Amino acid sequence: MAITAAQVKELRDQTGAGMMDAKKALTETDGDIAAAVDWLRTKGLAKAAKKSGRTAAEGLVGLAVEGGKGVAVEVNSETDFVAKNAEFQTMVGDITKAALGAADLDALKAADLGGKSVEEVITGKIATIGENLALRRMAKVEGDSVAAYVHNQMVDGMGKIGVLVALKGQDNGIGRQIAMHVAAANPASLSEADIDPALVEREKAVLTEQARESGKPEAVIEKMIQGRMNKFFEEVTLLKQKFVINPDITVGQAATDAGVEVLGFVRLEVGEGIEKKEEDFAAEVAKVAGN
């Protein structure tokens, strides 16, 4: 199949690979971006080992904590200008508070907000604000205590990245520190036990191909794979990650030293995983000018 320049650019943006390497990877994988990323990694041509979610939509993440319960919601807007609008921020705050009593996203959309459902309130704001708005995600955690942290906070409890950490035991300040770590390190899961099996298999397949290209005996290759998988788990699971506050210990050890157990966490980043259409402003100006 024909490989487009847009595909090559997307792959280069994700991996940092050279143009010809990116094009070859796409050719070898019939234009499949995800497979091409793995192909480049197998060949050692990708500069980044992990592909992070692209933040390509605007809006706010709101956090609310009540007792041992915490909730995070993401409400999207088309522009950052609207995210800074007081009317929009008030709506997000009201929706976040309502989420404390909602079981899931559908229940939140139907929840009462001043005599109207949340969904109806959002529809009304679309008309008054003049942009498309959407309630995209909601996530909850529960524990003996819940710590919250908002990165790039615009107003109290709202910003671009919101993190909740649920603890077993009395939080003595470690909860917020772990939440800050989660915001920075973006772990894939709490521990090895609950990581997505598909992610594990994909990583193992790449590492296996890399090890076999070394040409070493099978017994050595198996040890190489196991060692690299252990390193992978240390990088992507919260409890095994090096604690950003004190890199000499893991997050799990920091929690133990503080007398608590991390039960779970939530990290929502505005627009994560949404691909925003790139505007050709030159073409738009020419169109308006009648050219």
Protein backbone atom coordinates (compact mmCIF):
# COMPACT_ATOMS: atom_id res chain seq x y z
CA MET A 1 0.00 0.00 0.00
CA ALA A 2 1.03 3.61 -0.54
CA ILE A 3 2.51 5.28 2.56
CA THR A 4 1.50 8.92 3.00
CA ALA A 5 3.60 11.76 4.34
CA ALA A 6 1.04 12.22 7.13
CA GLN A 7 1.59 8.63 8.29
CA VAL A 8 5.35 9.10 8.27
CA LYS A 9 5.02 12.33 10.28
CA GLU A 10 2.73 10.69 12.84
CA LEU A 11 5.15 7.80 13.33
CA ARG A 12 8.14 10.14 13.63
CA ASP A 13 6.28 12.26 16.20
CA GLN A 14 5.58 9.17 18.28
CA THR A 15 9.01 7.55 18.08
CA GLY A 16 11.61 10.14 17.14
CA ALA A 17 12.78 7.85 14.32
CA GLY A 18 14.33 9.19 11.11
CA MET A 19 12.19 9.78 8.03
CA MET A 20 13.50 6.84 5.99
CA ASP A 21 13.32 4.48 8.98
CA ALA A 22 9.73 5.55 9.66
CA LYS A 23 8.78 5.03 6.03
CA LYS A 24 10.40 1.58 5.96
CA ALA A 25 8.63 0.59 9.17
CA LEU A 26 5.26 1.59 7.71
CA THR A 27 6.02 -0.25 4.49
CA GLU A 28 6.96 -3.40 6.41
CA THR A 29 3.72 -3.25 8.46
CA ASP A 30 1.29 -2.20 5.71
CA GLY A 31 0.75 1.23 7.24
CA ASP A 32 -0.23 -0.02 10.71
CA ILE A 33 1.09 2.71 13.06
CA ALA A 34 1.09 0.58 16.23
CA ALA A 35 2.85 -2.30 14.47
CA ALA A 36 5.33 0.15 12.95
CA VAL A 37 6.18 1.48 16.42
CA ASP A 38 6.93 -2.08 17.54
CA TRP A 39 8.98 -2.72 14.36
CA LEU A 40 11.12 0.34 15.05
CA ARG A 41 11.61 -0.67 18.67
CA THR A 42 12.61 -4.18 17.63
CA LYS A 43 15.26 -2.69 15.35
CA GLY A 44 16.37 -0.27 18.03
CA LEU A 45 15.37 2.72 15.90
CA ALA A 46 12.74 4.25 18.16
CA LYS A 47 14.13 6.85 20.53
CA ALA A 48 11.20 6.61 22.93
CA ALA A 49 10.41 3.26 24.57
CA LYS A 50 6.88 4.24 25.44
CA LYS A 51 4.18 5.93 23.47
CA SER A 52 2.34 8.45 25.60
CA GLY A 53 -1.22 9.56 25.04
CA ARG A 54 -1.43 12.67 22.91
CA THR A 55 -3.14 15.56 24.62
CA ALA A 56 -5.10 17.06 21.77
CA ALA A 57 -8.36 18.40 23.23
CA GLU A 58 -9.08 21.16 25.71
CA GLY A 59 -11.17 21.41 28.88
CA LEU A 60 -10.70 20.60 32.54
CA VAL A 61 -10.32 17.71 34.94
CA GLY A 62 -12.21 18.22 38.20
CA LEU A 63 -11.51 16.43 41.49
CA ALA A 64 -13.71 16.04 44.57
CA VAL A 65 -13.01 14.14 47.80
CA GLU A 66 -15.51 13.32 50.52
CA GLY A 67 -14.38 11.12 53.39
CA GLY A 68 -12.88 7.96 51.98
CA LYS A 69 -14.25 8.53 48.49
CA GLY A 70 -12.70 10.49 45.62
CA VAL A 71 -13.94 11.21 42.12
CA ALA A 72 -12.36 12.66 38.99
CA VAL A 73 -14.22 13.86 35.89
CA GLU A 74 -13.06 15.20 32.54
CA VAL A 75 -15.17 17.76 30.68
CA ASN A 76 -13.90 18.79 27.25
CA SER A 77 -14.22 22.02 25.32
CA GLU A 78 -12.93 22.93 21.88
CA THR A 79 -10.55 25.65 23.05
CA ASP A 80 -8.43 26.50 26.06
CA PHE A 81 -10.12 29.91 26.05
CA VAL A 82 -13.37 28.27 27.15
CA ALA A 83 -11.54 26.17 29.76
CA LYS A 84 -10.53 29.49 31.37
CA ASN A 85 -14.12 30.77 31.26
CA ALA A 86 -15.70 31.16 34.74
CA GLU A 87 -19.07 29.88 33.52
CA PHE A 88 -17.49 26.69 32.19
CA GLN A 89 -15.42 26.24 35.36
CA THR A 90 -18.50 26.59 37.57
CA MET A 91 -20.28 23.94 35.51
CA VAL A 92 -17.33 21.54 35.79
CA GLY A 93 -17.23 22.10 39.56
CA ASP A 94 -20.95 21.35 39.90
CA ILE A 95 -20.65 18.21 37.76
CA THR A 96 -17.67 17.00 39.81
CA LYS A 97 -19.61 17.36 43.07
CA ALA A 98 -22.57 15.51 41.55
CA ALA A 99 -20.21 12.69 40.53
CA LEU A 100 -19.59 11.84 44.20
CA GLY A 101 -23.08 10.33 44.30
CA ALA A 102 -23.06 8.73 40.84
CA ALA A 103 -22.19 5.08 40.22
CA ASP A 104 -20.79 5.56 36.71
CA LEU A 105 -20.64 7.94 33.75
CA ASP A 106 -24.16 7.17 32.52
CA ALA A 107 -25.56 7.75 36.01
CA LEU A 108 -23.67 11.04 36.21
CA LYS A 109 -25.12 12.22 32.89
CA ALA A 110 -28.61 11.54 34.25
CA ALA A 111 -27.91 13.04 37.71
CA ASP A 112 -29.90 16.06 38.85
CA LEU A 113 -28.18 19.42 38.69
CA GLY A 114 -30.48 22.24 39.72
CA GLY A 115 -33.63 20.64 38.30
CA LYS A 116 -32.02 19.46 35.07
CA SER A 117 -29.91 16.42 34.23
CA VAL A 118 -26.16 16.94 33.86
CA GLU A 119 -26.53 16.11 30.17
CA GLU A 120 -29.21 18.80 29.75
CA VAL A 121 -27.04 21.35 31.56
CA ILE A 122 -24.13 20.63 29.20
CA THR A 123 -26.42 20.94 26.16
CA GLY A 124 -27.61 24.30 27.46
CA LYS A 125 -24.04 25.53 27.93
CA ILE A 126 -23.19 24.54 24.37
CA ALA A 127 -25.81 27.02 23.22
CA THR A 128 -24.67 29.86 25.50
CA ILE A 129 -20.89 29.32 25.32
CA GLY A 130 -20.89 28.58 21.61
CA GLU A 131 -18.56 25.57 21.60
CA ASN A 132 -19.08 21.85 21.59
CA LEU A 133 -18.70 20.50 25.14
CA ALA A 134 -18.58 16.90 26.32
CA LEU A 135 -18.52 14.99 29.59
CA ARG A 136 -15.94 12.40 28.60
CA ARG A 137 -14.74 10.41 31.60
CA MET A 138 -15.36 9.72 35.27
CA ALA A 139 -13.31 7.59 37.67
CA LYS A 140 -13.53 6.81 41.39
CA VAL A 141 -11.32 5.48 44.17
CA GLU A 142 -12.13 4.53 47.77
CA GLY A 143 -10.06 3.86 50.86
CA ASP A 144 -9.55 4.83 54.48
CA SER A 145 -8.31 8.13 53.07
CA VAL A 146 -8.01 9.69 49.62
CA ALA A 147 -5.39 12.24 48.56
CA ALA A 148 -5.83 14.59 45.60
CA TYR A 149 -3.43 16.58 43.46
CA VAL A 150 -4.12 18.87 40.50
CA HIS A 151 -1.26 19.76 38.17
CA ASN A 152 -1.46 23.11 36.34
CA GLN A 153 -4.40 24.05 38.53
CA MET A 154 -6.60 26.80 37.07
CA VAL A 155 -9.02 27.09 39.98
CA ASP A 156 -9.44 25.09 43.18
CA GLY A 157 -9.78 21.39 42.35
CA MET A 158 -9.58 21.82 38.57
CA GLY A 159 -6.77 21.74 36.04
CA LYS A 160 -5.14 19.87 33.17
CA ILE A 161 -4.07 16.76 35.14
CA GLY A 162 -5.96 15.38 38.13
CA VAL A 163 -4.76 12.55 40.37
CA LEU A 164 -6.44 10.66 43.21
CA VAL A 165 -4.68 8.13 45.45
CA ALA A 166 -6.61 5.82 47.78
CA LEU A 167 -4.84 4.59 50.91
CA LYS A 168 -5.41 1.96 53.56
CA GLY A 169 -4.39 3.57 56.83
CA GLN A 170 -4.11 7.14 58.03
CA ASP A 171 -2.61 9.56 55.52
CA ASN A 172 0.15 11.65 57.09
CA GLY A 173 1.02 13.57 53.93
CA ILE A 174 2.41 10.66 51.91
CA GLY A 175 -0.79 10.50 49.86
CA ARG A 176 -0.26 13.87 48.20
CA GLN A 177 3.39 13.06 47.53
CA ILE A 178 2.39 9.82 45.81
CA ALA A 179 -0.29 11.69 43.86
CA MET A 180 2.36 14.14 42.65
CA HIS A 181 4.51 11.17 41.63
CA VAL A 182 1.59 9.69 39.64
CA ALA A 183 1.08 13.01 37.85
CA ALA A 184 4.73 13.07 36.80
CA ALA A 185 5.43 9.38 36.12
CA ASN A 186 2.05 8.31 34.69
CA PRO A 187 2.21 4.62 35.73
CA ALA A 188 0.20 2.12 33.68
CA SER A 189 -1.08 0.22 36.72
CA LEU A 190 -0.78 -0.15 40.48
CA SER A 191 1.18 -3.40 40.39
CA GLU A 192 2.28 -6.20 38.10
CA ALA A 193 -0.82 -8.19 39.09
CA ASP A 194 -3.31 -5.75 37.57
CA ILE A 195 -1.45 -4.54 34.49
CA ASP A 196 -3.23 -5.03 31.16
CA PRO A 197 -2.22 -8.52 29.85
CA ALA A 198 -2.27 -7.22 26.27
CA LEU A 199 0.31 -4.57 27.17
CA VAL A 200 2.51 -7.22 28.81
CA GLU A 201 2.32 -9.54 25.80
CA ARG A 202 3.09 -6.74 23.38
CA GLU A 203 6.13 -5.67 25.38
CA LYS A 204 7.35 -9.25 25.72
CA ALA A 205 7.04 -9.80 21.97
CA VAL A 206 9.18 -6.74 21.23
CA LEU A 207 11.79 -7.65 23.83
CA THR A 208 11.92 -11.24 22.56
CA GLU A 209 12.67 -10.08 19.01
CA GLN A 210 15.32 -7.69 20.28
CA ALA A 211 16.99 -10.44 22.31
CA ARG A 212 16.95 -12.96 19.45
CA GLU A 213 18.61 -10.48 17.12
CA SER A 214 21.60 -10.64 19.46
CA GLY A 215 22.30 -14.16 18.17
CA LYS A 216 22.99 -15.51 21.65
CA PRO A 217 21.98 -19.02 22.85
CA GLU A 218 18.33 -19.62 23.74
CA ALA A 219 19.09 -20.08 27.44
CA VAL A 220 20.82 -16.69 27.53
CA ILE A 221 17.99 -15.12 25.54
CA GLU A 222 15.41 -16.33 28.09
CA LYS A 223 17.37 -14.69 30.91
CA MET A 224 17.68 -11.49 28.87
CA ILE A 225 13.93 -11.40 28.29
CA GLN A 226 13.13 -12.00 31.97
CA GLY A 227 15.56 -9.30 33.05
CA ARG A 228 14.13 -6.79 30.59
CA MET A 229 10.54 -7.63 31.58
CA ASN A 230 11.43 -7.03 35.23
CA LYS A 231 12.83 -3.66 34.19
CA PHE A 232 9.63 -2.97 32.26
CA PHE A 233 7.49 -3.66 35.36
CA GLU A 234 9.71 -1.36 37.40
CA GLU A 235 9.08 1.41 34.90
CA VAL A 236 5.30 1.10 34.45
CA THR A 237 3.85 -0.14 37.77
CA LEU A 238 3.36 2.46 40.48
CA LEU A 239 4.52 0.39 43.45
CA LYS A 240 7.81 -0.57 41.73
CA GLN A 241 8.63 2.86 40.29
CA LYS A 242 11.43 4.88 41.87
CA PHE A 243 9.77 7.49 44.10
CA VAL A 244 10.27 10.96 42.61
CA ILE A 245 10.53 12.45 46.10
CA ASN A 246 13.29 9.98 47.03
CA PRO A 247 14.64 7.94 44.07
CA ASP A 248 16.58 5.68 46.45
CA ILE A 249 13.36 3.82 47.29
CA THR A 250 10.26 2.66 45.41
CA VAL A 251 6.78 4.11 45.82
CA GLY A 252 5.72 0.88 47.51
CA GLN A 253 8.55 1.18 50.04
CA ALA A 254 7.71 4.84 50.69
CA ALA A 255 4.12 3.88 51.46
CA THR A 256 5.22 1.07 53.79
CA ASP A 257 7.62 3.39 55.59
CA ALA A 258 4.74 5.83 56.11
CA GLY A 259 2.53 3.08 57.54
CA VAL A 260 0.01 2.96 54.71
CA GLU A 261 -0.90 0.76 51.74
CA VAL A 262 -1.76 2.16 48.31
CA LEU A 263 -5.09 0.64 47.27
CA GLY A 264 -5.50 2.36 43.93
CA PHE A 265 -5.08 5.54 41.94
CA VAL A 266 -6.69 7.56 39.16
CA ARG A 267 -4.89 9.87 36.75
CA LEU A 268 -6.89 11.85 34.20
CA GLU A 269 -5.21 14.22 31.75
CA VAL A 270 -7.26 16.57 29.61
CA GLY A 271 -7.58 15.31 26.04
CA GLU A 272 -5.45 12.21 26.62
CA GLY A 273 -5.88 9.84 23.69
CA ILE A 274 -7.97 12.24 21.62
CA GLU A 275 -6.44 13.22 18.29
CA LYS A 276 -7.21 16.80 17.39
CA LYS A 277 -7.60 17.71 13.76
CA GLU A 278 -4.76 19.98 12.66
CA GLU A 279 -6.01 23.19 11.13
CA ASP A 280 -4.36 24.57 8.00
CA PHE A 281 -4.55 28.24 8.94
CA ALA A 282 -3.00 29.46 5.70
CA ALA A 283 -5.67 27.63 3.71
CA GLU A 284 -8.39 28.94 6.05
CA VAL A 285 -7.22 32.55 5.60
CA ALA A 286 -7.07 32.11 1.84
CA LYS A 287 -10.58 30.70 1.85
CA VAL A 288 -11.93 33.65 3.83
CA ALA A 289 -10.12 36.07 1.52
CA GLY A 290 -11.79 34.40 -1.46
CA ASN A 291 -8.57 33.04 -2.98
